PDB file of N, CA and C in Angstrom:
ATOM      1  N   MET A   1      11.902 -16.957  -5.107  1.00  0.00           N
ATOM      2  CA  MET A   1      10.334 -16.507  -4.470  1.00  0.00           C
ATOM      3  C   MET A   1       9.370 -17.097  -5.522  1.00  0.00           C
ATOM      4  N   ALA A   2       8.042 -17.877  -5.176  1.00  0.00           N
ATOM      5  CA  ALA A   2       7.111 -18.098  -5.242  1.00  0.00           C
ATOM      6  C   ALA A   2       5.914 -17.011  -6.181  1.00  0.00           C
ATOM      7  N   ALA A   3       6.164 -15.964  -5.696  1.00  0.00           N
ATOM      8  CA  ALA A   3       5.255 -14.692  -5.337  1.00  0.00           C
ATOM      9  C   ALA A   3       5.879 -14.522  -7.126  1.00  0.00           C
ATOM     10  N   GLY A   4       4.925 -13.844  -8.096  1.00  0.00           N
ATOM     11  CA  GLY A   4       5.198 -13.151  -8.959  1.00  0.00           C
ATOM     12  C   GLY A   4       5.010 -14.245 -10.233  1.00  0.00           C
ATOM     13  N   THR A   5       4.517 -15.537 -10.158  1.00  0.00           N
ATOM     14  CA  THR A   5       4.273 -16.316 -10.964  1.00  0.00           C
ATOM     15  C   THR A   5       3.081 -16.374 -11.898  1.00  0.00           C
ATOM     16  N   GLY A   6       2.114 -15.434 -10.839  1.00  0.00           N
ATOM     17  CA  GLY A   6       0.987 -15.486 -11.791  1.00  0.00           C
ATOM     18  C   GLY A   6       0.320 -14.800 -12.855  1.00  0.00           C
ATOM     19  N   THR A   7      -0.453 -14.864 -13.181  1.00  0.00           N
ATOM     20  CA  THR A   7      -0.956 -14.688 -14.552  1.00  0.00           C
ATOM     21  C   THR A   7      -1.732 -13.237 -14.130  1.00  0.00           C
ATOM     22  N   ALA A   8      -2.133 -12.433 -14.932  1.00  0.00           N
ATOM     23  CA  ALA A   8      -3.233 -11.195 -15.185  1.00  0.00           C
ATOM     24  C   ALA A   8      -4.401 -11.370 -14.623  1.00  0.00           C
ATOM     25  N   GLY A   9      -4.898 -12.619 -14.625  1.00  0.00           N
ATOM     26  CA  GLY A   9      -5.872 -13.177 -14.291  1.00  0.00           C
ATOM     27  C   GLY A   9      -5.989 -13.718 -13.028  1.00  0.00           C
ATOM     28  N   SER A  10      -4.966 -13.824 -12.046  1.00  0.00           N
ATOM     29  CA  SER A  10      -4.636 -14.334 -11.044  1.00  0.00           C
ATOM     30  C   SER A  10      -4.897 -13.305  -9.587  1.00  0.00           C
ATOM     31  N   GLY A  11      -5.113 -11.969 -10.323  1.00  0.00           N
ATOM     32  CA  GLY A  11      -5.068 -11.218  -9.276  1.00  0.00           C
ATOM     33  C   GLY A  11      -6.546 -10.646  -9.064  1.00  0.00           C
ATOM     34  N   SER A  12      -7.195 -11.345  -8.810  1.00  0.00           N
ATOM     35  CA  SER A  12      -8.779 -11.114  -8.437  1.00  0.00           C
ATOM     36  C   SER A  12      -9.092  -9.532  -7.161  1.00  0.00           C
ATOM     37  N   GLY A  13     -10.148  -9.109  -7.208  1.00  0.00           N
ATOM     38  CA  GLY A  13     -10.518  -8.154  -6.361  1.00  0.00           C
ATOM     39  C   GLY A  13     -10.080  -8.547  -4.833  1.00  0.00           C
ATOM     40  N   THR A  14     -10.551  -9.544  -4.805  1.00  0.00           N
ATOM     41  CA  THR A  14     -10.788 -10.724  -3.209  1.00  0.00           C
ATOM     42  C   THR A  14      -9.241 -10.615  -2.924  1.00  0.00           C
ATOM     43  N   ASP A  15      -8.370 -11.504  -4.009  1.00  0.00           N
ATOM     44  CA  ASP A  15      -6.948 -11.424  -3.956  1.00  0.00           C
ATOM     45  C   ASP A  15      -6.176 -10.437  -3.494  1.00  0.00           C
ATOM     46  N   GLU A  16      -6.264  -9.140  -4.411  1.00  0.00           N
ATOM     47  CA  GLU A  16      -5.935  -8.047  -3.943  1.00  0.00           C
ATOM     48  C   GLU A  16      -6.252  -7.621  -2.553  1.00  0.00           C
ATOM     49  N   ALA A  17      -7.275  -7.828  -2.241  1.00  0.00           N
ATOM     50  CA  ALA A  17      -7.677  -7.427  -0.701  1.00  0.00           C
ATOM     51  C   ALA A  17      -7.237  -7.889   0.083  1.00  0.00           C
ATOM     52  N   ALA A  18      -6.908  -8.866  -0.182  1.00  0.00           N
ATOM     53  CA  ALA A  18      -6.430 -10.124   1.355  1.00  0.00           C
ATOM     54  C   ALA A  18      -4.289  -9.846   1.353  1.00  0.00           C
ATOM     55  N   LEU A  19      -3.888  -9.032   0.197  1.00  0.00           N
ATOM     56  CA  LEU A  19      -2.959  -8.899   0.108  1.00  0.00           C
ATOM     57  C   LEU A  19      -2.356  -7.617   1.020  1.00  0.00           C
ATOM     58  N   GLY A  20      -1.632  -7.895   1.878  1.00  0.00           N
ATOM     59  CA  GLY A  20      -1.057  -6.788   2.670  1.00  0.00           C
ATOM     60  C   GLY A  20       0.341  -5.838   1.430  1.00  0.00           C
ATOM     61  N   TYR A  21       0.754  -4.708   2.546  1.00  0.00           N
ATOM     62  CA  TYR A  21       1.440  -4.222   1.461  1.00  0.00           C
ATOM     63  C   TYR A  21       2.755  -4.709   1.352  1.00  0.00           C
ATOM     64  N   GLU A  22       3.434  -5.403   2.339  1.00  0.00           N
ATOM     65  CA  GLU A  22       4.575  -5.965   1.899  1.00  0.00           C
ATOM     66  C   GLU A  22       4.518  -7.159   1.052  1.00  0.00           C
ATOM     67  N   GLN A  23       3.810  -7.446   1.122  1.00  0.00           N
ATOM     68  CA  GLN A  23       3.382  -8.891   0.450  1.00  0.00           C
ATOM     69  C   GLN A  23       3.233  -8.249  -1.104  1.00  0.00           C
ATOM     70  N   ALA A  24       2.125  -7.644  -1.285  1.00  0.00           N
ATOM     71  CA  ALA A  24       2.213  -6.498  -2.621  1.00  0.00           C
ATOM     72  C   ALA A  24       3.277  -6.061  -3.667  1.00  0.00           C
ATOM     73  N   ARG A  25       4.203  -5.413  -2.807  1.00  0.00           N
ATOM     74  CA  ARG A  25       5.463  -4.894  -2.448  1.00  0.00           C
ATOM     75  C   ARG A  25       6.465  -5.982  -3.250  1.00  0.00           C
ATOM     76  N   ASP A  26       6.559  -7.132  -2.388  1.00  0.00           N
ATOM     77  CA  ASP A  26       7.463  -8.215  -2.473  1.00  0.00           C
ATOM     78  C   ASP A  26       7.358  -8.919  -4.296  1.00  0.00           C
ATOM     79  N   GLU A  27       6.183  -8.987  -4.084  1.00  0.00           N
ATOM     80  CA  GLU A  27       5.441  -9.656  -5.345  1.00  0.00           C
ATOM     81  C   GLU A  27       5.924  -8.814  -7.001  1.00  0.00           C
ATOM     82  N   LEU A  28       5.889  -7.525  -6.477  1.00  0.00           N
ATOM     83  CA  LEU A  28       5.510  -6.473  -7.412  1.00  0.00           C
ATOM     84  C   LEU A  28       7.294  -6.127  -8.028  1.00  0.00           C
ATOM     85  N   ILE A  29       7.996  -6.430  -6.471  1.00  0.00           N
ATOM     86  CA  ILE A  29       9.522  -6.546  -7.261  1.00  0.00           C
ATOM     87  C   ILE A  29       9.955  -7.652  -7.805  1.00  0.00           C
ATOM     88  N   GLU A  30       9.087  -8.748  -7.678  1.00  0.00           N
ATOM     89  CA  GLU A  30       9.876  -9.982  -8.466  1.00  0.00           C
ATOM     90  C   GLU A  30       9.178  -9.876  -9.855  1.00  0.00           C
ATOM     91  N   VAL A  31       8.071  -9.332 -10.078  1.00  0.00           N
ATOM     92  CA  VAL A  31       7.116  -8.942 -11.438  1.00  0.00           C
ATOM     93  C   VAL A  31       8.365  -7.879 -11.963  1.00  0.00           C
ATOM     94  N   VAL A  32       8.858  -6.797 -11.549  1.00  0.00           N
ATOM     95  CA  VAL A  32       9.687  -6.135 -12.094  1.00  0.00           C
ATOM     96  C   VAL A  32      11.096  -6.938 -12.408  1.00  0.00           C
ATOM     97  N   ARG A  33      11.451  -7.261 -11.655  1.00  0.00           N
ATOM     98  CA  ARG A  33      12.718  -8.509 -11.484  1.00  0.00           C
ATOM     99  C   ARG A  33      12.886  -9.527 -13.414  1.00  0.00           C
ATOM    100  N   ARG A  34      11.423  -9.922 -13.004  1.00  0.00           N
ATOM    101  CA  ARG A  34      11.403 -10.911 -14.253  1.00  0.00           C
ATOM    102  C   ARG A  34      11.089 -10.101 -15.593  1.00  0.00           C
ATOM    103  N   LEU A  35      10.341  -9.151 -15.429  1.00  0.00           N
ATOM    104  CA  LEU A  35      10.704  -7.929 -16.838  1.00  0.00           C
ATOM    105  C   LEU A  35      12.109  -7.866 -17.131  1.00  0.00           C
ATOM    106  N   GLU A  36      12.731  -7.136 -16.517  1.00  0.00           N
ATOM    107  CA  GLU A  36      13.518  -6.886 -16.739  1.00  0.00           C
ATOM    108  C   GLU A  36      14.737  -7.903 -17.735  1.00  0.00           C
ATOM    109  N   ALA A  37      14.546  -8.816 -16.469  1.00  0.00           N
ATOM    110  CA  ALA A  37      15.683 -10.359 -16.961  1.00  0.00           C
ATOM    111  C   ALA A  37      15.303 -10.594 -18.587  1.00  0.00           C
ATOM    112  N   GLY A  38      14.016 -10.348 -19.058  1.00  0.00           N
ATOM    113  CA  GLY A  38      13.454 -10.726 -19.845  1.00  0.00           C
ATOM    114  C   GLY A  38      13.547 -12.483 -20.049  1.00  0.00           C
ATOM    115  N   GLY A  39      13.546 -12.572 -21.356  1.00  0.00           N
ATOM    116  CA  GLY A  39      13.616 -14.259 -21.970  1.00  0.00           C
ATOM    117  C   GLY A  39      12.035 -14.701 -21.840  1.00  0.00           C
ATOM    118  N   THR A  40      11.097 -13.743 -21.912  1.00  0.00           N
ATOM    119  CA  THR A  40       9.859 -14.443 -21.465  1.00  0.00           C
ATOM    120  C   THR A  40       9.068 -13.409 -22.737  1.00  0.00           C
ATOM    121  N   SER A  41       7.929 -14.645 -23.376  1.00  0.00           N
ATOM    122  CA  SER A  41       6.983 -14.435 -24.328  1.00  0.00           C
ATOM    123  C   SER A  41       6.354 -12.953 -24.431  1.00  0.00           C
ATOM    124  N   LEU A  42       5.872 -12.368 -25.458  1.00  0.00           N
ATOM    125  CA  LEU A  42       5.070 -11.366 -25.101  1.00  0.00           C
ATOM    126  C   LEU A  42       3.908 -11.473 -24.209  1.00  0.00           C
ATOM    127  N   GLU A  43       3.311 -12.553 -24.293  1.00  0.00           N
ATOM    128  CA  GLU A  43       2.089 -12.892 -23.500  1.00  0.00           C
ATOM    129  C   GLU A  43       2.163 -12.817 -22.270  1.00  0.00           C
ATOM    130  N   GLU A  44       3.659 -13.349 -22.017  1.00  0.00           N
ATOM    131  CA  GLU A  44       3.890 -13.787 -20.392  1.00  0.00           C
ATOM    132  C   GLU A  44       4.099 -12.192 -20.110  1.00  0.00           C
ATOM    133  N   SER A  45       4.785 -11.592 -20.904  1.00  0.00           N
ATOM    134  CA  SER A  45       5.560 -10.210 -20.586  1.00  0.00           C
ATOM    135  C   SER A  45       4.165  -9.521 -20.117  1.00  0.00           C
ATOM    136  N   LEU A  46       3.351  -9.491 -21.222  1.00  0.00           N
ATOM    137  CA  LEU A  46       1.808  -8.972 -20.758  1.00  0.00           C
ATOM    138  C   LEU A  46       1.370  -8.727 -19.729  1.00  0.00           C
ATOM    139  N   ALA A  47       0.940 -10.392 -19.596  1.00  0.00           N
ATOM    140  CA  ALA A  47       0.157 -10.441 -18.450  1.00  0.00           C
ATOM    141  C   ALA A  47       1.079 -10.094 -16.989  1.00  0.00           C
ATOM    142  N   LEU A  48       2.437 -10.281 -16.904  1.00  0.00           N
ATOM    143  CA  LEU A  48       3.190  -9.601 -15.980  1.00  0.00           C
ATOM    144  C   LEU A  48       3.290  -8.224 -15.769  1.00  0.00           C
ATOM    145  N   TRP A  49       3.151  -7.709 -16.655  1.00  0.00           N
ATOM    146  CA  TRP A  49       2.883  -6.224 -16.532  1.00  0.00           C
ATOM    147  C   TRP A  49       1.561  -5.924 -16.178  1.00  0.00           C
ATOM    148  N   GLU A  50       0.344  -6.520 -16.330  1.00  0.00           N
ATOM    149  CA  GLU A  50      -1.073  -6.095 -15.832  1.00  0.00           C
ATOM    150  C   GLU A  50      -0.784  -6.549 -14.461  1.00  0.00           C
ATOM    151  N   ARG A  51      -0.213  -7.303 -14.181  1.00  0.00           N
ATOM    152  CA  ARG A  51      -0.108  -8.028 -12.880  1.00  0.00           C
ATOM    153  C   ARG A  51       0.005  -7.084 -12.024  1.00  0.00           C
ATOM    154  N   GLY A  52       1.677  -6.592 -12.693  1.00  0.00           N
ATOM    155  CA  GLY A  52       2.520  -5.406 -12.132  1.00  0.00           C
ATOM    156  C   GLY A  52       1.620  -3.914 -11.809  1.00  0.00           C
ATOM    157  N   GLU A  53       0.990  -3.716 -12.534  1.00  0.00           N
ATOM    158  CA  GLU A  53       0.030  -2.919 -12.322  1.00  0.00           C
ATOM    159  C   GLU A  53      -0.990  -2.623 -11.413  1.00  0.00           C
ATOM    160  N   GLU A  54      -1.281  -3.955 -11.432  1.00  0.00           N
ATOM    161  CA  GLU A  54      -2.585  -4.485 -10.374  1.00  0.00           C
ATOM    162  C   GLU A  54      -1.857  -4.224  -8.819  1.00  0.00           C
ATOM    163  N   LEU A  55      -0.641  -4.803  -8.871  1.00  0.00           N
ATOM    164  CA  LEU A  55      -0.266  -4.925  -7.561  1.00  0.00           C
ATOM    165  C   LEU A  55       0.373  -3.659  -7.299  1.00  0.00           C
ATOM    166  N   ALA A  56       0.969  -2.613  -8.051  1.00  0.00           N
ATOM    167  CA  ALA A  56       1.130  -0.811  -7.494  1.00  0.00           C
ATOM    168  C   ALA A  56       0.037  -0.680  -7.038  1.00  0.00           C
ATOM    169  N   LYS A  57      -1.205  -0.893  -7.886  1.00  0.00           N
ATOM    170  CA  LYS A  57      -2.609  -0.099  -7.300  1.00  0.00           C
ATOM    171  C   LYS A  57      -2.606  -0.781  -5.829  1.00  0.00           C
ATOM    172  N   VAL A  58      -2.696  -1.767  -5.731  1.00  0.00           N
ATOM    173  CA  VAL A  58      -2.745  -2.605  -3.911  1.00  0.00           C
ATOM    174  C   VAL A  58      -1.427  -1.574  -3.266  1.00  0.00           C
ATOM    175  N   CYS A  59      -0.655  -1.422  -3.408  1.00  0.00           N
ATOM    176  CA  CYS A  59       0.653  -0.401  -2.648  1.00  0.00           C
ATOM    177  C   CYS A  59       0.010   0.597  -2.683  1.00  0.00           C
ATOM    178  N   ARG A  60      -0.207   1.293  -3.488  1.00  0.00           N
ATOM    179  CA  ARG A  60      -0.416   3.055  -3.852  1.00  0.00           C
ATOM    180  C   ARG A  60      -2.090   2.758  -2.526  1.00  0.00           C
ATOM    181  N   ARG A  61      -2.688   2.091  -2.580  1.00  0.00           N
ATOM    182  CA  ARG A  61      -4.198   1.743  -1.697  1.00  0.00           C
ATOM    183  C   ARG A  61      -3.518   1.655  -0.171  1.00  0.00           C
ATOM    184  N   ARG A  62      -3.202   0.675  -0.141  1.00  0.00           N
ATOM    185  CA  ARG A  62      -2.791   0.726   1.310  1.00  0.00           C
ATOM    186  C   ARG A  62      -1.655   1.587   1.923  1.00  0.00           C
ATOM    187  N   LEU A  63      -1.137   2.322   0.984  1.00  0.00           N
ATOM    188  CA  LEU A  63      -0.064   3.503   1.475  1.00  0.00           C
ATOM    189  C   LEU A  63      -1.009   4.560   1.967  1.00  0.00           C
ATOM    190  N   GLU A  64      -1.972   5.046   0.841  1.00  0.00           N
ATOM    191  CA  GLU A  64      -2.799   5.769   1.011  1.00  0.00           C
ATOM    192  C   GLU A  64      -3.779   5.766   2.240  1.00  0.00           C
ATOM    193  N   GLY A  65      -4.334   4.440   2.803  1.00  0.00           N
ATOM    194  CA  GLY A  65      -4.982   3.934   4.180  1.00  0.00           C
ATOM    195  C   GLY A  65      -4.259   4.453   4.991  1.00  0.00           C
ATOM    196  N   ALA A  66      -2.876   4.264   4.924  1.00  0.00           N
ATOM    197  CA  ALA A  66      -2.110   4.284   6.328  1.00  0.00           C
ATOM    198  C   ALA A  66      -1.913   5.759   6.412  1.00  0.00           C
ATOM    199  N   ARG A  67      -1.314   6.460   5.347  1.00  0.00           N
ATOM    200  CA  ARG A  67      -1.728   7.690   5.456  1.00  0.00           C
ATOM    201  C   ARG A  67      -2.676   8.615   5.853  1.00  0.00           C
ATOM    202  N   ALA A  68      -4.060   8.005   5.682  1.00  0.00           N
ATOM    203  CA  ALA A  68      -5.153   8.791   6.076  1.00  0.00           C
ATOM    204  C   ALA A  68      -5.338   7.984   7.926  1.00  0.00           C
ATOM    205  N   ARG A  69      -5.180   6.931   8.406  1.00  0.00           N
ATOM    206  CA  ARG A  69      -4.728   6.684   9.423  1.00  0.00           C
ATOM    207  C   ARG A  69      -4.100   7.489  10.151  1.00  0.00           C
ATOM    208  N   LEU A  70      -2.773   7.903  10.075  1.00  0.00           N
ATOM    209  CA  LEU A  70      -1.796   8.541  10.226  1.00  0.00           C
ATOM    210  C   LEU A  70      -2.342   9.776  10.472  1.00  0.00           C
ATOM    211  N   ASP A  71      -2.882  10.447   9.325  1.00  0.00           N
ATOM    212  CA  ASP A  71      -3.559  12.085   9.701  1.00  0.00           C
ATOM    213  C   ASP A  71      -4.503  11.958  10.800  1.00  0.00           C
ATOM    214  N   ALA A  72      -5.802  11.047  10.926  1.00  0.00           N
ATOM    215  CA  ALA A  72      -6.603  10.652  11.807  1.00  0.00           C
ATOM    216  C   ALA A  72      -6.415  10.918  12.756  1.00  0.00           C
ATOM    217  N   SER A  73      -5.241  10.173  13.459  1.00  0.00           N
ATOM    218  CA  SER A  73      -4.496   9.869  14.737  1.00  0.00           C
ATOM    219  C   SER A  73      -4.054  11.220  15.489  1.00  0.00           C
ATOM    220  N   LEU A  74      -2.906  11.919  14.170  1.00  0.00           N
ATOM    221  CA  LEU A  74      -2.203  13.083  14.334  1.00  0.00           C
ATOM    222  C   LEU A  74      -3.718  14.264  14.578  1.00  0.00           C
ATOM    223  N   ALA A  75      -4.923  14.551  13.895  1.00  0.00           N
ATOM    224  CA  ALA A  75      -5.744  15.173  13.858  1.00  0.00           C
ATOM    225  C   ALA A  75      -6.210  15.094  15.339  1.00  0.00           C
ATOM    226  N   ALA A  76      -6.492  13.653  15.985  1.00  0.00           N
ATOM    227  CA  ALA A  76      -7.387  13.429  17.164  1.00  0.00           C
ATOM    228  C   ALA A  76      -6.451  14.162  18.275  1.00  0.00           C
ATOM    229  N   GLU A  77      -5.025  13.914  18.125  1.00  0.00           N
ATOM    230  CA  GLU A  77      -4.317  13.903  19.051  1.00  0.00           C
ATOM    231  C   GLU A  77      -4.133  15.624  19.121  1.00  0.00           C
ATOM    232  N   ARG A  78      -4.063  16.650  17.989  1.00  0.00           N
ATOM    233  CA  ARG A  78      -4.206  17.909  18.560  1.00  0.00           C
ATOM    234  C   ARG A  78      -5.278  18.403  18.690  1.00  0.00           C
ATOM    235  N   ALA A  79      -6.286  17.772  18.571  1.00  0.00           N
ATOM    236  CA  ALA A  79      -7.932  18.276  19.120  1.00  0.00           C
ATOM    237  C   ALA A  79      -7.723  18.228  20.290  1.00  0.00           C
ATOM    238  N   ALA A  80      -7.379  16.785  21.087  1.00  0.00           N
ATOM    239  CA  ALA A  80      -7.323  16.531  22.633  1.00  0.00           C
ATOM    240  C   ALA A  80      -6.569  17.698  23.061  1.00  0.00           C
ATOM    241  N   GLU A  81      -5.083  17.602  22.670  1.00  0.00           N
ATOM    242  CA  GLU A  81      -4.337  19.125  23.400  1.00  0.00           C
ATOM    243  C   GLU A  81      -5.173  20.253  23.414  1.00  0.00           C
ATOM    244  N   GLU A  82      -5.705  20.470  22.445  1.00  0.00           N
ATOM    245  CA  GLU A  82      -6.366  21.790  22.420  1.00  0.00           C
ATOM    246  C   GLU A  82      -7.748  22.141  22.920  1.00  0.00           C
ATOM    247  N   ALA A  83      -8.053  21.183  23.202  1.00  0.00           N
ATOM    248  CA  ALA A  83      -9.357  20.802  24.214  1.00  0.00           C
ATOM    249  C   ALA A  83      -8.452  20.678  25.727  1.00  0.00           C
ATOM    250  N   GLU A  84      -7.354  20.250  26.066  1.00  0.00           N
ATOM    251  CA  GLU A  84      -6.725  20.258  27.320  1.00  0.00           C
ATOM    252  C   GLU A  84      -6.229  21.686  27.758  1.00  0.00           C
ATOM    253  N   GLY A  85      -6.120  22.515  26.525  1.00  0.00           N
ATOM    254  CA  GLY A  85      -5.352  23.564  26.714  1.00  0.00           C
ATOM    255  C   GLY A  85      -6.755  25.155  27.300  1.00  0.00           C
ATOM    256  N   ALA A  86      -7.863  24.333  26.167  1.00  0.00           N
ATOM    257  CA  ALA A  86      -8.856  25.625  26.896  1.00  0.00           C
ATOM    258  C   ALA A  86      -9.379  25.120  28.069  1.00  0.00           C
ATOM    259  N   GLU A  87      -9.379  24.014  28.631  1.00  0.00           N
ATOM    260  CA  GLU A  87      -9.682  23.871  29.854  1.00  0.00           C
ATOM    261  C   GLU A  87      -8.815  24.153  30.851  1.00  0.00           C
ATOM    262  N   GLY A  88      -7.547  24.319  31.059  1.00  0.00           N
ATOM    263  CA  GLY A  88      -6.834  24.514  31.517  1.00  0.00           C
ATOM    264  C   GLY A  88      -6.783  26.185  31.969  1.00  0.00           C
ATOM    265  N   GLY A  89      -7.307  27.030  30.991  1.00  0.00           N
ATOM    266  CA  GLY A  89      -7.537  28.021  31.308  1.00  0.00           C
ATOM    267  C   GLY A  89      -5.627  28.829  31.456  1.00  0.00           C
ATOM    268  N   PRO A  90      -5.700  30.111  31.121  1.00  0.00           N
ATOM    269  CA  PRO A  90      -4.205  30.898  30.682  1.00  0.00           C
ATOM    270  C   PRO A  90      -3.550  30.377  31.922  1.00  0.00           C
ATOM    271  N   GLY A  91      -2.211  30.506  32.050  1.00  0.00           N
ATOM    272  CA  GLY A  91      -1.075  30.551  32.886  1.00  0.00           C
ATOM    273  C   GLY A  91      -1.243  29.116  33.378  1.00  0.00           C
ATOM    274  N   ASP A  92      -1.916  28.195  33.246  1.00  0.00           N
ATOM    275  CA  ASP A  92      -1.656  27.035  33.932  1.00  0.00           C
ATOM    276  C   ASP A  92      -0.473  26.062  33.765  1.00  0.00           C
ATOM    277  N   GLU A  93      -0.291  26.285  32.375  1.00  0.00           N
ATOM    278  CA  GLU A  93       1.107  25.613  32.067  1.00  0.00           C
ATOM    279  C   GLU A  93       2.792  26.115  32.531  1.00  0.00           C
ATOM    280  N   GLU A  94       2.572  27.329  32.728  1.00  0.00           N
ATOM    281  CA  GLU A  94       3.886  28.411  32.854  1.00  0.00           C
ATOM    282  C   GLU A  94       4.057  28.353  34.189  1.00  0.00           C
TER     283      GLU A  94
END
């Protein structure tokens, strides 16, 4: 996999914003694999670690955004159901 070969400087804010969750997750997995395998210089290991931290933040933001969208959708659905229930009057559904 070509992902994960970047250095700490390769993860600019623009690049991170363009990364989807799956892309960031896959690159993070590759970074972790390379760190666990060892055999890299201290500088490269630090760059990989920093990139991993950036990718983890991207994943966390994407997941938080997905959670917010899901919560908003569920709240809208509940509000619509409550509005329907209030309009229908007592005993309409029974």
